Protein backbone atom coordinates (compact mmCIF):
# COMPACT_ATOMS: atom_id res chain seq x y z
CA MET A 1 113.29 159.23 97.92
CA LYS A 2 116.86 161.26 97.18
CA ILE A 3 119.83 159.50 97.90
CA GLU A 4 122.60 161.52 98.69
CA GLN A 5 125.96 160.82 97.46
CA ASN A 6 128.32 160.77 100.67
CA CYS A 7 130.94 158.68 101.65
CA PRO A 8 130.70 156.75 105.01
CA LEU A 9 134.68 156.50 104.89
CA ASP A 10 135.39 160.10 104.61
CA LYS A 11 133.21 161.41 107.52
CA PHE A 12 130.25 161.89 105.22
CA LYS A 13 131.84 164.19 102.58
CA ALA A 14 130.78 163.85 99.09
CA CYS A 15 131.65 160.89 96.98
CA ARG A 16 134.89 160.89 95.43
CA GLN A 17 133.88 158.82 92.86
CA THR A 18 136.65 157.51 90.32
CA LYS A 19 139.40 158.97 92.64
CA CYS A 20 138.41 156.55 95.54
CA ALA A 21 139.53 153.19 95.65
CA TRP A 22 135.89 151.88 96.55
CA PHE A 23 134.26 153.42 93.41
CA THR A 24 133.75 150.42 91.02
CA GLN A 25 131.81 149.24 88.16
CA ILE A 26 129.28 146.29 88.70
CA ARG A 27 127.72 144.28 86.09
CA GLY A 28 125.05 141.53 86.40
CA THR A 29 121.45 141.12 87.29
CA ASN A 30 119.66 142.39 90.11
CA PRO A 31 118.89 139.44 92.67
CA GLN A 32 115.76 141.14 93.64
CA THR A 33 114.19 142.73 90.29
CA GLY A 34 115.92 140.44 87.76
CA SER A 35 116.72 143.46 85.58
CA ASP A 36 120.15 144.16 84.09
CA VAL A 37 122.84 145.99 86.06
CA ASP A 38 125.41 148.12 84.79
CA ASP A 39 126.21 150.66 87.21
CA TRP A 40 129.21 152.55 88.83
CA GLY A 41 129.20 153.32 92.64
CA CYS A 42 130.74 152.78 95.81
CA ALA A 43 131.51 148.97 96.59
CA ILE A 44 129.93 149.70 100.46
CA ALA A 45 126.55 150.83 98.67
CA PHE A 46 126.68 147.37 96.54
CA MET A 47 127.11 145.10 99.56
CA PRO A 48 123.68 144.69 100.54
CA MET A 49 122.58 143.64 96.87
CA LEU A 50 125.99 141.50 96.86
CA GLN A 51 124.54 139.85 99.74
CA ILE A 52 121.26 139.02 98.78
CA GLU A 53 122.83 137.38 95.28
CA GLY A 54 125.12 135.18 97.60
CA ALA A 55 122.15 133.95 99.51
CA GLN A 56 120.33 132.99 96.75
CA MET A 57 123.34 131.06 94.98
CA SER A 58 124.10 129.52 98.51
CA ARG A 59 120.36 128.23 98.45
CA GLN A 60 120.68 126.89 94.87
CA ALA A 61 123.68 125.24 95.57
CA GLY A 62 122.01 123.58 98.88
CA ALA A 63 119.26 122.29 96.62
CA ALA A 64 121.76 121.15 93.97
CA VAL A 65 123.52 119.17 96.63
CA GLU A 66 120.29 117.85 98.20
CA SER A 67 119.03 116.58 94.56
CA LEU A 68 122.40 114.90 93.94
CA ARG A 69 122.35 113.15 97.40
CA ASN A 70 118.83 111.98 96.65
CA GLU A 71 119.78 110.68 93.06
CA LEU A 72 122.91 108.88 94.59
CA LEU A 73 120.76 107.26 97.59
CA VAL A 74 118.22 105.72 94.81
CA GLN A 75 121.20 104.60 92.58
CA THR A 76 123.17 103.11 95.95
CA GLU A 77 120.05 101.39 97.01
CA GLN A 78 119.49 99.75 93.19
CA LEU A 79 123.02 98.66 93.59
CA VAL A 80 122.75 97.09 96.79
CA ASP A 81 119.62 95.22 95.41
CA VAL A 82 121.64 94.12 92.19
CA ALA A 83 124.48 92.62 94.80
CA LYS A 84 122.09 91.10 96.75
CA ARG A 85 120.49 89.46 93.81
CA ARG A 86 123.79 88.22 92.08
CA VAL A 87 124.88 86.77 95.47
CA GLU A 88 121.38 84.65 96.07
CA LEU A 89 122.08 83.43 92.18
CA LEU A 90 125.92 82.43 93.36
CA SER A 91 124.86 80.35 96.63
């Protein structure tokens, strides 16, 4: 598939590249393939890839929060048990 370099902001004329404020460099890891990315291109064209990465980060953060919640629940239950035993010993 051949991708044409046209600009959605400039009535689909040819991309002006470095003369455009939206032309930017992006570095990192492609969230779909895991390969390294070091490309120059239109920020608008990069949006789908960045949204996929943002969704992955949100899922990872949600999983981390759930894991923390589960650990805190276990520790709270243990603390309550210790407190109950201490009250029983003192009474």
